[in-house]
Amino acid sequence: MDYKNMTFKLSTGCDRGLCRRGVGRQDKQLNTYDWLADVPGNAESTDLVEVQFKNTRKGYYHNVNNIDLQKGDIVAVEANPGHDIGVVTLTGELVKLQVKKASLKSADDIRRIYRLAKPVDIEKYEEAKSREHGTMIQSRQIAKDLGLDMKIGDVEYQGDGNKAIFYYIADERVDFRQLIKVLAETFHVRIEMKQIGARQEAGRIGGTGPCGRELCCATWMKNFISVSTNAARFQDISLNPQKLAGMCAKLKCCLNYEVDNYMEAGRRLPPKDAVLQTQDADYFLFKTDILAGLVTYSTDKKLAINLETISVDRAKEIVELNKRGEKPLSLLEEDDLKEDDRPKDLLDDDITRFDKTKKKKKRKQKSEAKASKSQKENKMPDRESRKEMAEEKIDESPKNRQPVPQKGDNPQQPKGDKPQQPKGENPQQPKGDKPQQPKGDKPQQPKGDKPQQPKGDKPQGNRRNQRKGPKAPQP
């Protein structure tokens, strides 16, 4: 294709499968998308029209006057007594399907549409709606004074203001005959009482669920099916009441959405009490992934030890082998044997070898830095002088010293060499050769200890180092 010379156009109308006429001009709850809105002759196929009132209340009416109605039009419809004001939410063939879902008792329940709402009708409607909140608060106080165990959740006035519907919640049967008399005398309208459940109340109020989307009961769900904890068990969900409960404090309706698929997939799983026997050990069921068809086994019944995940087919195959008295080498097949994925450096015995090399490098760097610094300051001697100093230290070490001659022994010494001095005496050093000592440092001697010298031998050295004898006592 020639992408450079292609011409593009904006998608409008029903080009991408979504039609503006199907969505409609209304923001009511339980909105139904009209897939047949762009089909020619759809609106004329039937005279049934779906009209929605406050919150989730809907009704179905005949368009006997053949009014050209579109989704979102405000109309005046027949009521008992008077008339009511609502919004058209659906026309055409889809209304027949909605009537079947509503399960109306008889065809007489379907009334007729009078006309499109006039400005006078809308003014009366708005005036009646403005009284709903105050009526609800006052009616709650009346029910409390009468001692009735019930909660009035909402009040809806008819479009002409001649009738009011009170929605209440009660766990048990309530005798509200006296309540109706008091309400009729107080508000001077016709009273109708409707009992609703917790789910219907949540749908009328609306809200956002834990999934982040608007509540199903407030958007599309009309008929409520009972939900039990068995639905959570089939889907292998933990029975935590806080997580399983919805905004209405009842079990979430969405638990029933996928329970049929889980029940069908659960029939293919091996029995939970089956023990898989191998030549290494016996394996017990630990957990299952129902939709993926995977089962995980452990060598301990309660703890996760030596976990192995295999397919359902492989588990059934091992069960059949055990029935015949055969035991496979392992749970995994030969093609699926696990390889050691650990990094190679962890497999070696010495795990501190990298630390040692780092320390050596640091020491070498420090010694080289010190040597270079000392050479710059001319404090360290050259390499040759350092060798000579090392040799001198070796010669002066006690291992290399010759034994001290005893009294009466005349050790033979080579010519030109001077006899060695006994311990405690300062050895004579050749002229011009003096041991290098740091400046300002003098040899330290322990306090109170004096060097012993043999009789008749005078210490050689400076007079300052010679020991002075005791002074004569004065007369």
Protein backbone atom coordinates (compact mmCIF):
# COMPACT_ATOMS: atom_id res chain seq x y z
CA MET A 1 0.00 0.00 0.00
CA ASP A 2 1.05 3.55 -0.70
CA TYR A 3 1.01 5.02 2.79
CA LYS A 4 2.45 8.37 1.71
CA ASN A 5 -0.40 9.26 -0.65
CA MET A 6 -3.24 7.85 1.45
CA THR A 7 -6.18 10.09 2.29
CA PHE A 8 -7.72 9.97 5.74
CA LYS A 9 -11.17 10.99 6.97
CA LEU A 10 -12.62 11.58 10.40
CA SER A 11 -14.92 8.89 11.78
CA THR A 12 -18.36 10.32 12.47
CA GLY A 13 -21.82 8.93 13.09
CA CYS A 14 -21.81 5.12 13.09
CA ASP A 15 -18.55 4.58 11.16
CA ARG A 16 -16.82 2.71 14.02
CA GLY A 17 -19.79 0.72 15.28
CA LEU A 18 -20.91 3.23 17.92
CA CYS A 19 -23.76 5.52 16.95
CA ARG A 20 -24.57 8.79 18.66
CA ARG A 21 -28.24 8.02 18.31
CA GLY A 22 -27.72 4.74 20.15
CA VAL A 23 -26.13 6.47 23.15
CA GLY A 24 -28.80 9.14 23.36
CA ARG A 25 -29.15 12.51 25.12
CA GLN A 26 -29.65 11.31 28.69
CA ASP A 27 -27.57 10.54 31.75
CA LYS A 28 -30.00 8.25 33.55
CA GLN A 29 -29.07 5.01 35.29
CA LEU A 30 -29.60 1.63 33.63
CA ASN A 31 -28.85 3.11 30.23
CA THR A 32 -29.28 0.63 27.34
CA TYR A 33 -27.25 1.08 24.15
CA ASP A 34 -29.50 0.91 21.07
CA TRP A 35 -27.62 -1.18 18.49
CA LEU A 36 -30.46 -0.81 16.00
CA ALA A 37 -30.72 2.99 16.17
CA ASP A 38 -29.23 3.48 12.68
CA VAL A 39 -31.37 0.75 11.03
CA PRO A 40 -34.04 2.31 8.74
CA GLY A 41 -37.59 1.71 9.98
CA ASN A 42 -36.54 0.58 13.45
CA ALA A 43 -38.62 3.17 15.30
CA GLU A 44 -41.75 2.40 13.24
CA SER A 45 -41.56 -1.35 13.85
CA THR A 46 -43.39 -1.04 17.21
CA ASP A 47 -45.21 1.61 19.22
CA LEU A 48 -43.66 0.51 22.53
CA VAL A 49 -41.44 3.08 24.24
CA GLU A 50 -39.29 2.76 27.37
CA VAL A 51 -39.55 5.71 29.77
CA GLN A 52 -37.36 6.19 32.84
CA PHE A 53 -38.19 8.22 35.95
CA LYS A 54 -36.20 9.02 39.08
CA ASN A 55 -33.14 6.82 39.66
CA THR A 56 -33.80 3.27 38.42
CA ARG A 57 -37.60 3.23 38.03
CA LYS A 58 -38.68 2.45 34.45
CA GLY A 59 -42.00 2.01 32.68
CA TYR A 60 -43.24 0.90 29.22
CA TYR A 61 -45.89 2.84 27.29
CA HIS A 62 -47.72 2.81 23.94
CA ASN A 63 -47.09 5.67 21.54
CA VAL A 64 -50.71 5.75 20.40
CA ASN A 65 -50.47 9.27 18.93
CA ASN A 66 -47.48 8.30 16.70
CA ILE A 67 -45.31 11.07 18.12
CA ASP A 68 -41.80 11.27 16.63
CA LEU A 69 -39.85 10.36 19.75
CA GLN A 70 -36.09 10.19 20.10
CA LYS A 71 -33.93 8.98 22.91
CA GLY A 72 -33.72 11.75 25.54
CA ASP A 73 -37.10 13.42 24.91
CA ILE A 74 -39.10 14.48 28.00
CA VAL A 75 -42.69 13.23 27.79
CA ALA A 76 -45.87 13.28 29.86
CA VAL A 77 -47.30 9.78 30.40
CA GLU A 78 -50.46 8.34 31.92
CA ALA A 79 -50.46 7.74 35.68
CA ASN A 80 -52.97 6.92 38.40
CA PRO A 81 -54.04 9.54 39.28
CA GLY A 82 -53.00 12.32 36.91
CA HIS A 83 -49.87 12.21 34.80
CA ASP A 84 -46.14 11.73 35.33
CA ILE A 85 -43.03 13.20 33.68
CA GLY A 86 -40.26 10.95 32.38
CA VAL A 87 -37.45 10.64 29.83
CA VAL A 88 -37.49 8.37 26.76
CA THR A 89 -34.56 5.90 27.01
CA LEU A 90 -35.30 3.36 24.26
CA THR A 91 -37.43 2.92 21.13
CA GLY A 92 -37.79 0.27 18.45
CA GLU A 93 -37.31 -3.50 18.47
CA LEU A 94 -35.16 -3.60 21.59
CA VAL A 95 -38.11 -2.44 23.70
CA LYS A 96 -39.83 -5.80 23.11
CA LEU A 97 -36.86 -7.59 24.66
CA GLN A 98 -36.88 -5.22 27.63
CA VAL A 99 -40.60 -5.90 28.21
CA LYS A 100 -39.89 -9.63 28.37
CA LYS A 101 -37.16 -9.05 30.97
CA ALA A 102 -39.48 -6.86 33.05
CA SER A 103 -41.97 -9.77 33.21
CA LEU A 104 -45.10 -7.62 33.29
CA LYS A 105 -48.15 -9.36 34.69
CA SER A 106 -50.61 -8.28 31.95
CA ALA A 107 -50.84 -6.09 28.89
CA ASP A 108 -53.04 -3.65 30.81
CA ASP A 109 -49.99 -2.53 32.78
CA ILE A 110 -48.67 -0.84 29.63
CA ARG A 111 -50.23 2.61 29.52
CA ARG A 112 -49.97 5.38 26.93
CA ILE A 113 -47.94 8.51 26.25
CA TYR A 114 -49.91 11.77 26.26
CA ARG A 115 -47.54 14.31 24.71
CA LEU A 116 -44.15 15.91 24.83
CA ALA A 117 -43.72 17.77 28.10
CA LYS A 118 -44.69 21.46 28.04
CA PRO A 119 -42.95 24.22 30.03
CA VAL A 120 -45.88 24.24 32.49
CA ASP A 121 -45.45 20.49 33.08
CA ILE A 122 -41.72 20.90 33.70
CA GLU A 123 -42.33 23.70 36.23
CA LYS A 124 -44.72 21.53 38.25
CA TYR A 125 -42.27 18.64 38.02
CA GLU A 126 -39.38 20.73 39.37
CA GLU A 127 -41.54 22.12 42.17
CA ALA A 128 -42.53 18.60 43.25
CA LYS A 129 -38.93 17.38 43.16
CA SER A 130 -37.80 20.22 45.43
CA ARG A 131 -40.01 18.85 48.25
CA GLU A 132 -38.63 15.28 48.19
CA HIS A 133 -35.70 15.67 50.59
CA GLY A 134 -37.69 17.52 53.27
CA THR A 135 -40.49 14.97 53.02
CA MET A 136 -38.04 12.08 53.52
CA ILE A 137 -36.50 13.60 56.68
CA GLN A 138 -39.92 14.35 58.17
CA SER A 139 -41.30 10.90 57.34
CA ARG A 140 -38.34 9.23 59.08
CA GLN A 141 -39.15 11.11 62.25
CA ILE A 142 -42.81 10.07 62.03
CA ALA A 143 -41.87 6.39 61.61
CA LYS A 144 -39.54 6.66 64.60
CA ASP A 145 -42.28 8.19 66.77
CA LEU A 146 -44.63 5.33 65.83
CA GLY A 147 -41.96 2.78 66.87
CA LEU A 148 -41.72 1.07 63.46
CA ASP A 149 -38.60 -0.98 62.72
CA MET A 150 -38.05 0.35 59.20
CA LYS A 151 -35.87 2.80 57.29
CA ILE A 152 -37.33 5.18 54.70
CA GLY A 153 -34.56 5.39 52.10
CA ASP A 154 -36.07 7.65 49.43
CA VAL A 155 -39.18 9.59 48.44
CA GLU A 156 -40.32 10.21 44.84
CA TYR A 157 -43.10 12.65 43.91
CA GLN A 158 -45.18 12.18 40.76
CA GLY A 159 -44.73 14.73 38.00
CA ASP A 160 -47.98 16.57 38.79
CA GLY A 161 -47.41 16.46 42.58
CA ASN A 162 -50.57 14.44 43.40
CA LYS A 163 -48.80 11.27 44.56
CA ALA A 164 -45.69 10.33 46.51
CA ILE A 165 -43.87 6.97 46.59
CA PHE A 166 -42.02 6.08 49.82
CA TYR A 167 -39.24 3.48 49.44
CA TYR A 168 -38.39 1.72 52.71
CA ILE A 169 -36.14 -1.10 53.94
CA ALA A 170 -37.19 -3.55 56.65
CA ASP A 171 -35.92 -6.95 57.75
CA GLU A 172 -39.35 -8.16 58.86
CA ARG A 173 -42.96 -7.52 57.94
CA VAL A 174 -44.12 -4.06 59.06
CA ASP A 175 -47.68 -2.92 59.72
CA PHE A 176 -47.58 0.63 58.36
CA ARG A 177 -51.34 1.31 58.12
CA GLN A 178 -51.15 3.95 60.84
CA LEU A 179 -48.06 5.42 59.16
CA ILE A 180 -49.95 5.90 55.86
CA LYS A 181 -52.74 7.80 57.62
CA VAL A 182 -50.28 10.12 59.36
CA LEU A 183 -48.31 10.75 56.15
CA ALA A 184 -51.48 11.52 54.15
CA GLU A 185 -52.66 14.01 56.77
CA THR A 186 -49.23 15.65 56.91
CA PHE A 187 -48.39 16.02 53.20
CA HIS A 188 -51.92 16.00 51.63
CA VAL A 189 -50.97 13.64 48.81
CA ARG A 190 -51.71 10.06 47.88
CA ILE A 191 -49.26 7.70 49.60
CA GLU A 192 -47.72 4.55 48.10
CA MET A 193 -45.26 2.36 50.04
CA LYS A 194 -42.67 0.18 48.24
CA GLN A 195 -40.31 -2.18 50.03
CA ILE A 196 -36.85 -2.56 48.49
CA GLY A 197 -33.77 -4.54 49.44
CA ALA A 198 -30.22 -3.47 50.17
CA ARG A 199 -29.17 -4.07 46.56
CA GLN A 200 -32.00 -1.94 45.17
CA GLU A 201 -31.11 0.85 47.58
CA ALA A 202 -27.47 0.79 46.48
CA GLY A 203 -28.61 0.94 42.85
CA ARG A 204 -30.83 3.94 43.50
CA ILE A 205 -28.12 5.82 45.38
CA GLY A 206 -25.29 4.79 43.06
CA GLY A 207 -21.56 4.70 43.75
CA THR A 208 -18.21 3.23 42.74
CA GLY A 209 -17.28 -0.38 43.43
CA PRO A 210 -13.90 -1.76 44.59
CA CYS A 211 -13.08 -2.52 40.94
CA GLY A 212 -13.03 1.22 40.18
CA ARG A 213 -16.13 1.18 37.99
CA GLU A 214 -19.67 2.36 38.64
CA LEU A 215 -21.91 -0.12 40.43
CA CYS A 216 -23.53 -2.74 38.19
CA CYS A 217 -26.88 -2.29 39.95
CA ALA A 218 -26.77 1.42 39.05
CA THR A 219 -25.77 1.00 35.39
CA TRP A 220 -27.29 -2.08 33.75
CA MET A 221 -28.45 -4.74 36.23
CA LYS A 222 -32.22 -4.94 36.79
CA ASN A 223 -32.94 -8.42 38.11
CA PHE A 224 -31.03 -9.48 41.22
CA ILE A 225 -30.17 -13.16 41.64
CA SER A 226 -29.31 -14.60 45.03
CA VAL A 227 -25.58 -14.98 45.67
CA SER A 228 -24.15 -17.62 48.02
CA THR A 229 -20.70 -18.44 49.34
CA ASN A 230 -20.61 -21.53 47.11
CA ALA A 231 -19.82 -19.24 44.20
CA ALA A 232 -16.66 -18.12 46.02
CA ARG A 233 -15.69 -21.72 46.83
CA PHE A 234 -16.00 -22.84 43.22
CA GLN A 235 -13.69 -20.00 42.16
CA ASP A 236 -11.15 -20.78 44.91
CA ILE A 237 -11.61 -17.36 46.56
CA SER A 238 -10.80 -16.88 50.24
CA LEU A 239 -13.96 -16.51 52.32
CA ASN A 240 -13.14 -13.07 53.67
CA PRO A 241 -16.40 -11.19 54.40
CA GLN A 242 -14.77 -7.79 53.99
CA LYS A 243 -13.58 -8.60 50.46
CA LEU A 244 -16.67 -10.51 49.34
CA ALA A 245 -19.15 -7.82 50.48
CA GLY A 246 -20.13 -4.96 48.20
CA MET A 247 -21.38 -1.43 48.82
CA CYS A 248 -24.72 -2.81 49.98
CA ALA A 249 -23.06 -4.99 52.68
CA LYS A 250 -24.24 -8.09 50.79
CA LEU A 251 -22.25 -10.56 48.70
CA LYS A 252 -21.08 -9.03 45.43
CA CYS A 253 -23.28 -9.75 42.44
CA CYS A 254 -20.19 -10.20 40.26
CA LEU A 255 -19.42 -13.50 42.04
CA ASN A 256 -22.05 -15.10 39.79
CA TYR A 257 -20.59 -13.79 36.53
CA GLU A 258 -17.88 -16.45 36.03
CA VAL A 259 -19.02 -19.21 38.35
CA ASP A 260 -20.31 -21.34 35.45
CA ASN A 261 -16.93 -21.26 33.70
CA TYR A 262 -15.16 -22.23 36.92
CA MET A 263 -17.56 -25.12 37.54
CA GLU A 264 -16.98 -26.46 34.04
CA ALA A 265 -13.20 -26.13 34.31
CA GLY A 266 -13.22 -27.70 37.80
CA ARG A 267 -14.62 -30.97 36.45
CA ARG A 268 -11.33 -31.58 34.59
CA LEU A 269 -9.19 -31.31 37.74
CA PRO A 270 -7.87 -34.43 39.54
CA PRO A 271 -9.41 -35.28 42.94
CA LYS A 272 -8.15 -33.13 45.82
CA ASP A 273 -7.35 -36.09 48.07
CA ALA A 274 -5.22 -37.86 45.44
CA VAL A 275 -1.59 -38.50 46.50
CA LEU A 276 0.96 -38.61 43.67
CA GLN A 277 3.66 -41.19 44.39
CA THR A 278 7.10 -40.93 42.80
CA GLN A 279 10.41 -42.67 43.40
CA ASP A 280 11.63 -39.62 45.34
CA ALA A 281 8.65 -38.83 47.60
CA ASP A 282 4.88 -38.57 47.88
CA TYR A 283 3.22 -35.32 46.80
CA PHE A 284 0.03 -33.73 48.15
CA LEU A 285 -2.17 -31.10 46.54
CA PHE A 286 -1.20 -27.56 47.61
CA LYS A 287 -3.10 -25.20 45.28
CA THR A 288 -4.82 -25.13 41.89
CA ASP A 289 -5.17 -22.64 39.04
CA ILE A 290 -8.56 -23.64 37.70
CA LEU A 291 -8.76 -21.62 34.48
CA ALA A 292 -5.10 -22.19 33.54
CA GLY A 293 -5.35 -25.93 34.21
CA LEU A 294 -2.30 -26.07 36.51
CA VAL A 295 -1.94 -27.83 39.88
CA THR A 296 0.81 -27.39 42.45
CA TYR A 297 1.92 -30.26 44.73
CA SER A 298 4.02 -30.28 47.90
CA THR A 299 5.82 -33.05 49.78
CA ASP A 300 4.13 -31.90 53.01
CA LYS A 301 0.39 -31.80 53.60
CA LYS A 302 0.37 -28.41 55.33
CA LEU A 303 3.62 -26.67 54.40
CA ALA A 304 4.94 -25.46 51.05
CA ILE A 305 7.97 -27.75 50.68
CA ASN A 306 9.49 -28.85 47.35
CA LEU A 307 6.67 -27.33 45.31
CA GLU A 308 6.15 -28.70 41.81
CA THR A 309 3.63 -27.22 39.33
CA ILE A 310 2.35 -29.53 36.60
CA SER A 311 -0.54 -29.63 34.17
CA VAL A 312 -3.83 -31.38 34.84
CA ASP A 313 -3.12 -34.00 32.15
CA ARG A 314 0.24 -34.86 33.74
CA ALA A 315 -1.40 -35.22 37.17
CA LYS A 316 -4.03 -37.59 35.79
CA GLU A 317 -1.30 -39.57 34.04
CA ILE A 318 0.61 -40.05 37.31
CA VAL A 319 -2.60 -41.11 39.07
CA GLU A 320 -3.13 -43.84 36.46
CA LEU A 321 0.48 -44.98 36.83
CA ASN A 322 0.08 -45.24 40.60
CA LYS A 323 -3.05 -47.34 40.16
CA ARG A 324 -0.99 -49.83 38.10
CA GLY A 325 1.70 -49.85 40.79
CA GLU A 326 4.23 -47.78 38.83
CA LYS A 327 6.08 -44.76 40.13
CA PRO A 328 7.66 -42.16 37.82
CA LEU A 329 11.04 -40.63 38.55
CA SER A 330 9.54 -37.19 39.21
CA LEU A 331 6.35 -35.24 38.71
CA LEU A 332 7.78 -33.32 35.79
CA GLU A 333 8.09 -34.88 32.37
CA GLU A 334 11.50 -35.50 30.84
CA ASP A 335 11.16 -32.51 28.54
CA ASP A 336 10.12 -30.23 31.40
CA LEU A 337 12.90 -31.06 33.89
CA LYS A 338 14.01 -27.97 35.71
CA GLU A 339 17.48 -26.59 35.21
CA ASP A 340 19.40 -24.75 37.88
CA ASP A 341 18.68 -21.10 37.12
CA ARG A 342 20.87 -19.75 39.91
CA PRO A 343 23.81 -17.57 38.87
CA LYS A 344 27.15 -19.34 38.65
CA ASP A 345 28.94 -17.25 41.27
CA LEU A 346 26.59 -18.60 43.97
CA LEU A 347 27.47 -22.20 43.12
CA ASP A 348 31.13 -21.78 44.09
CA ASP A 349 32.36 -22.65 47.56
CA ASP A 350 34.24 -19.42 48.24
CA ILE A 351 31.65 -16.66 48.22
CA THR A 352 34.03 -14.07 49.74
CA ARG A 353 36.60 -14.17 47.00
CA PHE A 354 35.42 -10.89 45.54
CA ASP A 355 35.78 -9.20 48.92
CA LYS A 356 39.36 -10.41 49.30
CA THR A 357 40.42 -9.14 45.91
CA LYS A 358 38.88 -5.78 46.64
CA LYS A 359 40.80 -5.53 49.93
CA LYS A 360 44.12 -6.39 48.22
CA LYS A 361 43.54 -3.81 45.58
CA LYS A 362 42.83 -1.18 48.19
CA ARG A 363 46.00 -2.04 50.15
CA LYS A 364 48.13 -1.90 47.02
CA GLN A 365 46.68 1.42 46.07
CA LYS A 366 47.29 2.82 49.56
CA SER A 367 50.94 1.60 49.66
CA GLU A 368 51.66 2.99 46.22
CA ALA A 369 50.13 6.31 47.19
CA LYS A 370 52.24 6.48 50.37
CA ALA A 371 55.44 5.56 48.49
CA SER A 372 54.87 8.19 45.86
CA LYS A 373 54.09 10.78 48.54
CA SER A 374 57.26 9.96 50.55
CA GLN A 375 59.43 10.06 47.47
CA LYS A 376 58.14 13.50 46.67
CA GLU A 377 58.95 14.74 50.19
CA ASN A 378 62.38 12.95 50.13
CA LYS A 379 61.60 11.21 53.42
CA MET A 380 61.93 7.66 52.15
CA PRO A 381 65.44 6.38 51.17
CA ASP A 382 66.19 4.90 47.77
CA ARG A 383 65.69 1.27 46.93
CA GLU A 384 69.39 0.36 47.39
CA SER A 385 69.65 2.06 50.79
CA ARG A 386 66.52 0.22 51.93
CA LYS A 387 68.14 -3.12 51.03
CA GLU A 388 71.26 -2.27 53.05
CA MET A 389 69.13 -1.31 56.05
CA ALA A 390 67.26 -4.59 55.84
CA GLU A 391 70.53 -6.57 55.74
CA GLU A 392 71.81 -4.71 58.81
CA LYS A 393 68.67 -5.50 60.73
CA ILE A 394 69.06 -9.18 59.86
CA ASP A 395 72.69 -9.18 61.10
CA GLU A 396 71.70 -7.53 64.39
CA SER A 397 68.89 -9.97 65.06
CA PRO A 398 69.49 -12.35 68.08
CA LYS A 399 69.48 -15.41 65.80
CA ASN A 400 72.56 -14.21 63.88
CA ARG A 401 74.52 -13.10 66.96
CA GLN A 402 77.51 -15.24 68.04
CA PRO A 403 77.55 -16.83 71.54
CA VAL A 404 79.18 -14.82 74.36
CA PRO A 405 82.50 -16.32 75.49
CA GLN A 406 82.66 -17.60 79.10
CA LYS A 407 85.39 -16.77 81.64
CA GLY A 408 88.69 -18.50 80.98
CA ASP A 409 87.91 -19.08 77.34
CA ASN A 410 89.99 -17.30 74.75
CA PRO A 411 88.11 -17.54 71.55
CA GLN A 412 90.18 -17.29 68.49
CA GLN A 413 89.31 -14.35 66.37
CA PRO A 414 90.57 -13.45 62.99
CA LYS A 415 93.22 -10.83 62.70
CA GLY A 416 92.04 -7.31 62.40
CA ASP A 417 88.77 -8.06 64.14
CA LYS A 418 87.94 -6.79 67.58
CA PRO A 419 86.56 -9.09 70.27
CA GLN A 420 82.82 -9.02 70.77
CA GLN A 421 81.55 -7.19 73.83
CA PRO A 422 79.37 -8.92 76.39
CA LYS A 423 75.70 -8.10 76.81
CA GLY A 424 74.96 -4.75 78.28
CA GLU A 425 77.91 -3.07 76.66
CA ASN A 426 77.68 -0.73 73.76
CA PRO A 427 79.30 -2.35 70.77
CA GLN A 428 81.94 -0.37 68.97
CA GLN A 429 80.92 0.66 65.50
CA PRO A 430 83.27 1.58 62.67
CA LYS A 431 84.12 5.20 62.29
CA GLY A 432 81.93 7.04 59.92
CA ASP A 433 79.19 4.41 60.10
CA LYS A 434 76.51 5.37 62.53
CA PRO A 435 73.11 3.75 62.80
CA GLN A 436 70.37 5.93 61.42
CA GLN A 437 67.98 6.95 64.13
CA PRO A 438 65.07 9.31 63.92
CA LYS A 439 65.81 12.79 65.15
CA GLY A 440 64.90 13.53 68.73
CA ASP A 441 64.43 9.87 69.67
CA LYS A 442 66.60 8.38 72.44
CA PRO A 443 66.75 4.73 73.44
CA GLN A 444 64.26 4.09 76.23
CA GLN A 445 65.31 2.04 79.28
CA PRO A 446 63.03 0.66 81.96
CA LYS A 447 62.97 2.64 85.19
CA GLY A 448 64.92 1.18 88.06
CA ASP A 449 66.81 -1.36 85.93
CA LYS A 450 70.53 -0.79 85.51
CA PRO A 451 72.66 -2.72 83.07
CA GLN A 452 75.02 -5.22 84.77
CA GLN A 453 78.63 -5.17 83.68
CA PRO A 454 81.39 -7.73 84.42
CA LYS A 455 84.14 -6.81 86.87
CA GLY A 456 87.32 -5.36 85.40
CA ASP A 457 85.66 -4.35 82.19
CA LYS A 458 85.08 -0.73 81.56
CA PRO A 459 82.28 0.26 79.31
CA GLN A 460 83.38 1.80 76.16
CA GLY A 461 81.62 4.79 74.75
CA ASN A 462 80.99 8.35 75.75
CA ARG A 463 81.60 9.48 79.32
CA ARG A 464 78.05 10.69 79.57
CA ASN A 465 76.83 7.12 79.20
CA GLN A 466 79.24 5.80 81.90
CA ARG A 467 77.76 5.06 85.29
CA LYS A 468 79.01 7.17 88.16
CA GLY A 469 79.96 5.42 91.41
CA PRO A 470 78.44 6.20 94.80
CA LYS A 471 79.59 9.34 96.55
CA ALA A 472 81.70 9.08 99.69
CA PRO A 473 79.93 9.98 102.87
CA GLN A 474 80.73 13.38 104.23
CA PRO A 475 82.07 13.72 107.76
